[in-house]
Amino acid sequence: MGREVPETYEQKREKIQAFNLTSDLFAGKVFEDLAACQELCQILMQNPDLRLKDVKTQYTIRNLERHSAQLDILAEAVNGSLINVELQMYKEKSPLRRTRYYTSCIDMSILDKGKDYQELPYVTILYITKGDFIGGRKGFYQIKRTAEGKAAAAVELDNGVCEKYFNLKYTTGSKKINELLRYLKKSDPFYHTEVFPRIVERVNFYKVQKKGVDIMCEIADKIRQEGKKEGREEGRIEGKTEAVLELLAELGKIPSRIVQQVRQETDLDVLSRWLRCAASASDLTEFEARM
C-alpha cells in the first residue's frame, strides 16, 4: 500500500473555499475572535457603542436529565448583559420555541441558588435564518411583549429578553445590516468594507493565510471523522431500539411512556440490557419493573 501524499497548501485552500459564515464550523472560528464578534453584535443590534468582554462559540449548556443546548455564539457585554447569536440555515420546525428553550437554559445556567430573579441579566437573541419563516416579507423582525386590555393603547412589557430575527431572503431597513447579511452568504476573504473590517480580516486568515487554512482543514477533517463514527454509533442505537420494541410488541400494546423511554435512550449498554429483559419477560409489567 502506498504512502499517503500530504495535501499541499493550494489543495487545502481550495478545499475550504466553500466555507462561509452561514456554516456553524466556520462562523464559530471567525467569531470566537472578540473584535469580530463585537462587530457582528454592534451591527445587528444597531449599537456602535456596544462593547464585549467575553465570547464563546459552539457553547454547550449541559443538562444531565433533559435536552442540552448548544449555542452558536454566547457573548457577554461589559455591562453584564448576554447576547446569543444563532445561525440556522436549515428549515427549523419551531424556531420560536428553540429560542424559548435556549433562553431558559441560559437563565438556569447563570442564576445561582438563593439569588433574586432581578439579578438575571438582560439577554438579547439574534436569530439569523435563510428564509423568512415569519412570513411578513421582511428581512428583520423584533418581538415585543404587550398586554392588551380595555385601555386604548397596549402596554409593552419588558421581561429582560429581546428577540431579533433576521433572514437572508429579504432586506432590512439598515444598509449596514443588509451588507453584513449579504457577506454571511459569500464570505469573500478579499472583500473591502469599512463597516466590518475585522470580520473580513478573520475570514481572510482562515481562507487564505497558511496557518488559518491549516487550522480549518484540521478541524474539518476531525469533524468528518467524528461524523462517520457518530453515524455508525447512531445506526447501532437505532437497531437496538427497534429490536427492543419489536420484542415488546409481542407481549402486547406497549404503553407510550415505555416507547418514549426506549426511544430516548442512547446508551448502548442500557439498550442491550433492555433487549435481554424484553426477550425473557413474560409480560410488559415485568419488563417495566426490570427496566
Protein backbone atom coordinates (compact mmCIF):
# COMPACT_ATOMS: atom_id res chain seq x y z
CA MET A 1 0.00 0.00 0.00
CA GLY A 2 1.47 3.38 -1.00
CA ARG A 3 2.18 6.11 1.48
CA GLU A 4 -0.50 8.85 1.63
CA VAL A 5 0.70 12.06 -0.05
CA PRO A 6 0.26 15.14 2.19
CA GLU A 7 -2.05 17.82 0.83
CA THR A 8 -0.41 20.96 -0.49
CA TYR A 9 -1.36 24.44 0.71
CA GLU A 10 -3.19 25.05 -2.58
CA GLN A 11 -5.21 21.85 -2.17
CA LYS A 12 -6.13 22.70 1.41
CA ARG A 13 -7.08 26.24 0.47
CA GLU A 14 -9.26 25.00 -2.37
CA LYS A 15 -11.00 22.59 -0.01
CA ILE A 16 -12.21 25.29 2.36
CA GLN A 17 -13.26 27.95 -0.16
CA ALA A 18 -16.84 26.70 0.04
CA PHE A 19 -17.00 27.61 3.73
CA ASN A 20 -18.89 30.78 4.59
CA LEU A 21 -20.25 32.47 7.69
CA THR A 22 -23.59 30.64 7.48
CA SER A 23 -21.67 27.49 8.46
CA ASP A 24 -21.54 26.71 12.19
CA LEU A 25 -17.98 25.43 11.82
CA PHE A 26 -16.59 28.45 10.00
CA ALA A 27 -18.61 31.05 11.90
CA GLY A 28 -17.50 29.51 15.18
CA LYS A 29 -13.84 30.06 14.33
CA VAL A 30 -14.29 33.57 12.92
CA PHE A 31 -16.50 34.85 15.73
CA GLU A 32 -14.52 33.36 18.60
CA ASP A 33 -12.41 36.47 18.00
CA LEU A 34 -13.77 39.12 20.40
CA ALA A 35 -13.39 42.05 17.99
CA ALA A 36 -15.09 40.20 15.12
CA CYS A 37 -17.99 39.13 17.34
CA GLN A 38 -18.28 42.68 18.66
CA GLU A 39 -18.64 43.99 15.09
CA LEU A 40 -21.35 41.41 14.40
CA CYS A 41 -23.34 42.33 17.51
CA GLN A 42 -22.88 46.09 17.08
CA ILE A 43 -24.28 45.96 13.55
CA LEU A 44 -27.21 43.62 14.22
CA MET A 45 -28.17 45.47 17.40
CA GLN A 46 -27.51 48.85 15.75
CA ASN A 47 -25.44 49.87 18.74
CA PRO A 48 -21.96 51.10 17.77
CA ASP A 49 -21.13 51.74 21.44
CA LEU A 50 -21.62 48.10 22.44
CA ARG A 51 -18.50 46.55 23.99
CA LEU A 52 -17.99 42.86 24.66
CA LYS A 53 -15.76 41.36 27.33
CA ASP A 54 -16.14 37.64 26.54
CA VAL A 55 -17.35 35.35 23.78
CA LYS A 56 -17.86 31.59 23.49
CA THR A 57 -18.72 29.74 20.28
CA GLN A 58 -20.36 26.31 19.98
CA TYR A 59 -21.06 26.65 23.69
CA THR A 60 -22.93 23.73 25.23
CA ILE A 61 -25.16 24.15 28.27
CA ARG A 62 -25.42 20.60 29.53
CA ASN A 63 -28.49 19.16 31.20
CA LEU A 64 -27.97 15.64 32.51
CA GLU A 65 -31.68 14.91 32.84
CA ARG A 66 -33.11 16.91 29.93
CA HIS A 67 -32.22 18.20 26.47
CA SER A 68 -28.90 20.06 26.39
CA ALA A 69 -28.48 23.26 24.35
CA GLN A 70 -25.58 24.11 22.06
CA LEU A 71 -25.42 27.84 21.39
CA ASP A 72 -23.68 29.01 18.22
CA ILE A 73 -22.38 32.15 19.94
CA LEU A 74 -22.79 33.39 23.51
CA ALA A 75 -21.25 36.79 24.19
CA GLU A 76 -21.13 38.87 27.35
CA ALA A 77 -21.10 42.66 27.20
CA VAL A 78 -19.12 44.81 29.62
CA ASN A 79 -22.40 45.81 31.31
CA GLY A 80 -23.14 42.15 32.09
CA SER A 81 -25.87 41.63 29.50
CA LEU A 82 -25.74 38.49 27.34
CA ILE A 83 -26.11 38.05 23.58
CA ASN A 84 -26.92 34.73 21.92
CA VAL A 85 -26.38 34.61 18.14
CA GLU A 86 -27.93 31.65 16.31
CA LEU A 87 -27.27 30.81 12.65
CA GLN A 88 -29.97 28.42 11.46
CA MET A 89 -29.64 27.84 7.72
CA TYR A 90 -31.73 24.65 7.60
CA LYS A 91 -35.50 24.68 7.93
CA GLU A 92 -36.32 24.68 11.64
CA LYS A 93 -39.67 23.26 12.76
CA SER A 94 -40.09 25.50 15.80
CA PRO A 95 -37.59 28.40 15.83
CA LEU A 96 -39.57 30.42 18.34
CA ARG A 97 -39.70 27.51 20.76
CA ARG A 98 -36.00 26.88 20.24
CA THR A 99 -35.44 30.49 21.32
CA ARG A 100 -37.69 29.97 24.33
CA TYR A 101 -35.74 26.86 25.40
CA TYR A 102 -32.30 28.38 24.79
CA THR A 103 -33.23 31.44 26.84
CA SER A 104 -34.42 29.25 29.71
CA CYS A 105 -31.16 27.24 29.57
CA ILE A 106 -29.12 30.44 29.72
CA ASP A 107 -31.12 31.63 32.72
CA MET A 108 -30.78 28.30 34.54
CA SER A 109 -27.02 28.24 33.95
CA ILE A 110 -26.30 31.66 35.45
CA LEU A 111 -28.79 32.25 38.28
CA ASP A 112 -27.26 30.83 41.45
CA LYS A 113 -29.36 29.27 44.19
CA GLY A 114 -30.78 31.89 46.54
CA LYS A 115 -30.37 34.75 44.08
CA ASP A 116 -33.28 37.04 43.23
CA TYR A 117 -34.83 36.93 39.76
CA GLN A 118 -33.97 40.61 39.44
CA GLU A 119 -30.33 39.56 39.12
CA LEU A 120 -30.97 37.80 35.81
CA PRO A 121 -29.06 39.73 33.15
CA TYR A 122 -30.64 41.20 30.05
CA VAL A 123 -30.49 38.65 27.21
CA THR A 124 -30.64 39.51 23.51
CA ILE A 125 -31.30 36.78 20.94
CA LEU A 126 -30.02 37.47 17.41
CA TYR A 127 -31.53 34.72 15.25
CA ILE A 128 -30.44 34.51 11.60
CA THR A 129 -32.26 32.22 9.17
CA LYS A 130 -32.04 31.53 5.45
CA GLY A 131 -35.73 32.06 4.74
CA ASP A 132 -38.47 34.26 6.16
CA PHE A 133 -40.24 31.79 8.46
CA ILE A 134 -42.36 34.57 9.97
CA GLY A 135 -43.82 35.37 6.54
CA GLY A 136 -44.03 39.15 6.57
CA ARG A 137 -41.70 39.56 3.55
CA LYS A 138 -39.22 41.50 5.64
CA GLY A 139 -35.58 40.86 6.49
CA PHE A 140 -35.91 41.82 10.16
CA TYR A 141 -38.44 41.35 12.94
CA GLN A 142 -38.28 42.31 16.61
CA ILE A 143 -40.59 40.54 19.03
CA LYS A 144 -42.34 42.70 21.61
CA ARG A 145 -44.42 41.53 24.57
CA THR A 146 -47.53 43.60 25.16
CA ALA A 147 -50.53 43.44 27.49
CA GLU A 148 -53.84 44.36 25.92
CA GLY A 149 -56.87 45.37 27.91
CA LYS A 150 -59.65 47.87 27.82
CA ALA A 151 -57.23 50.77 27.51
CA ALA A 152 -56.79 52.23 24.03
CA ALA A 153 -53.05 51.52 23.88
CA ALA A 154 -51.36 48.21 24.64
CA VAL A 155 -48.78 48.20 27.43
CA GLU A 156 -45.32 46.94 26.48
CA LEU A 157 -43.83 44.51 29.00
CA ASP A 158 -40.09 44.01 29.40
CA ASN A 159 -39.06 40.66 30.86
CA GLY A 160 -35.36 41.21 30.15
CA VAL A 161 -35.35 39.24 26.89
CA CYS A 162 -35.02 40.89 23.47
CA GLU A 163 -35.62 38.74 20.38
CA LYS A 164 -34.44 39.92 16.96
CA TYR A 165 -34.97 37.73 13.88
CA PHE A 166 -33.10 38.26 10.61
CA ASN A 167 -33.27 36.36 7.34
CA LEU A 168 -31.17 36.23 4.19
CA LYS A 169 -34.12 36.35 1.78
CA TYR A 170 -35.29 39.94 2.25
CA THR A 171 -33.60 43.25 3.03
CA THR A 172 -33.90 45.24 6.24
CA GLY A 173 -34.16 48.97 6.79
CA SER A 174 -30.43 49.21 7.60
CA LYS A 175 -27.75 49.40 4.90
CA LYS A 176 -25.12 48.09 7.33
CA ILE A 177 -27.22 45.09 8.32
CA ASN A 178 -28.01 44.36 4.67
CA GLU A 179 -24.32 44.46 3.77
CA LEU A 180 -23.42 42.16 6.66
CA LEU A 181 -26.16 39.63 5.87
CA ARG A 182 -25.06 39.52 2.22
CA TYR A 183 -21.49 38.93 3.36
CA LEU A 184 -22.51 35.99 5.54
CA LYS A 185 -23.55 34.13 2.37
CA LYS A 186 -20.42 34.82 0.29
CA SER A 187 -17.67 35.49 2.88
CA ASP A 188 -15.17 36.79 0.31
CA PRO A 189 -11.74 36.95 2.02
CA PHE A 190 -10.75 39.92 -0.19
CA TYR A 191 -13.90 41.95 0.39
CA HIS A 192 -13.37 45.66 1.16
CA THR A 193 -15.60 47.40 3.69
CA GLU A 194 -15.41 49.97 6.46
CA VAL A 195 -18.45 48.51 8.18
CA PHE A 196 -16.98 45.22 9.47
CA PRO A 197 -13.24 45.12 8.62
CA ARG A 198 -12.33 42.76 11.49
CA ILE A 199 -14.78 40.11 10.31
CA VAL A 200 -13.26 40.22 6.82
CA GLU A 201 -9.78 40.04 8.33
CA ARG A 202 -10.66 36.86 10.22
CA VAL A 203 -12.27 35.32 7.13
CA ASN A 204 -9.08 36.10 5.22
CA PHE A 205 -7.00 34.44 7.93
CA TYR A 206 -8.92 31.15 7.74
CA LYS A 207 -9.41 31.10 3.97
CA VAL A 208 -6.09 32.49 2.69
CA GLN A 209 -3.29 32.55 5.26
CA LYS A 210 -1.46 29.24 5.62
CA LYS A 211 -1.78 28.98 9.40
CA GLY A 212 -5.52 29.62 9.29
CA VAL A 213 -6.05 27.28 6.35
CA ASP A 214 -4.23 24.50 8.22
CA ILE A 215 -6.42 25.07 11.28
CA MET A 216 -9.65 24.95 9.27
CA CYS A 217 -8.62 21.82 7.38
CA GLU A 218 -7.64 20.04 10.58
CA ILE A 219 -10.98 20.90 12.21
CA ALA A 220 -12.96 19.94 9.10
CA ASP A 221 -11.17 16.57 8.82
CA LYS A 222 -11.73 15.85 12.51
CA ILE A 223 -15.44 16.66 12.24
CA ARG A 224 -15.78 14.41 9.19
CA GLN A 225 -14.18 11.53 11.08
CA GLU A 226 -16.36 12.16 14.13
CA GLY A 227 -19.40 12.33 11.86
CA LYS A 228 -18.62 8.89 10.43
CA LYS A 229 -18.13 7.49 13.92
CA GLU A 230 -21.35 9.09 15.17
CA GLY A 231 -23.19 7.73 12.13
CA ARG A 232 -22.09 4.20 12.94
CA GLU A 233 -23.00 4.70 16.61
CA GLU A 234 -26.43 6.06 15.71
CA GLY A 235 -27.02 3.05 13.49
CA ARG A 236 -26.28 0.65 16.33
CA ILE A 237 -28.52 2.60 18.72
CA GLU A 238 -31.39 2.63 16.24
CA GLY A 239 -31.01 -1.10 15.63
CA LYS A 240 -31.11 -1.95 19.34
CA THR A 241 -34.05 0.38 19.91
CA GLU A 242 -36.14 -1.24 17.21
CA ALA A 243 -35.18 -4.72 18.42
CA VAL A 244 -36.38 -3.91 21.95
CA LEU A 245 -39.68 -2.50 20.69
CA GLU A 246 -40.27 -5.46 18.37
CA LEU A 247 -39.89 -7.93 21.24
CA LEU A 248 -42.13 -5.83 23.50
CA ALA A 249 -44.81 -5.66 20.80
CA GLU A 250 -45.10 -9.43 21.03
CA LEU A 251 -46.09 -9.02 24.69
CA GLY A 252 -48.98 -6.65 23.94
CA LYS A 253 -49.72 -2.97 23.30
CA ILE A 254 -46.72 -1.00 24.52
CA PRO A 255 -47.59 1.96 26.77
CA SER A 256 -46.45 5.28 25.27
CA ARG A 257 -44.29 6.02 28.33
CA ILE A 258 -42.23 2.89 27.67
CA VAL A 259 -41.93 3.64 23.95
CA GLN A 260 -40.76 7.16 24.75
CA GLN A 261 -38.23 5.97 27.32
CA VAL A 262 -36.79 3.35 24.95
CA ARG A 263 -36.56 5.78 22.02
CA GLN A 264 -34.86 8.43 24.13
CA GLU A 265 -32.16 6.08 25.44
CA THR A 266 -28.77 6.47 23.71
CA ASP A 267 -26.59 4.26 25.93
CA LEU A 268 -25.87 1.01 24.08
CA ASP A 269 -25.19 -0.89 27.30
CA VAL A 270 -28.59 0.08 28.69
CA LEU A 271 -30.32 -0.84 25.42
CA SER A 272 -28.54 -4.22 25.41
CA ARG A 273 -29.76 -4.89 28.95
CA TRP A 274 -33.31 -3.91 28.00
CA LEU A 275 -33.10 -6.19 24.96
CA ARG A 276 -32.29 -9.15 27.23
CA CYS A 277 -35.12 -8.15 29.55
CA ALA A 278 -37.56 -7.90 26.65
CA ALA A 279 -36.55 -11.34 25.42
CA SER A 280 -37.09 -13.01 28.81
CA ALA A 281 -40.01 -11.03 30.29
CA SER A 282 -43.38 -12.77 30.47
CA ASP A 283 -45.35 -9.53 30.11
CA LEU A 284 -44.94 -5.74 29.81
CA THR A 285 -45.40 -5.20 33.55
CA GLU A 286 -42.45 -7.46 34.30
CA PHE A 287 -40.31 -5.72 31.68
CA GLU A 288 -41.09 -2.25 33.08
CA ALA A 289 -40.28 -3.43 36.61
CA ARG A 290 -36.90 -4.76 35.42
CA MET A 291 -36.01 -1.64 33.40
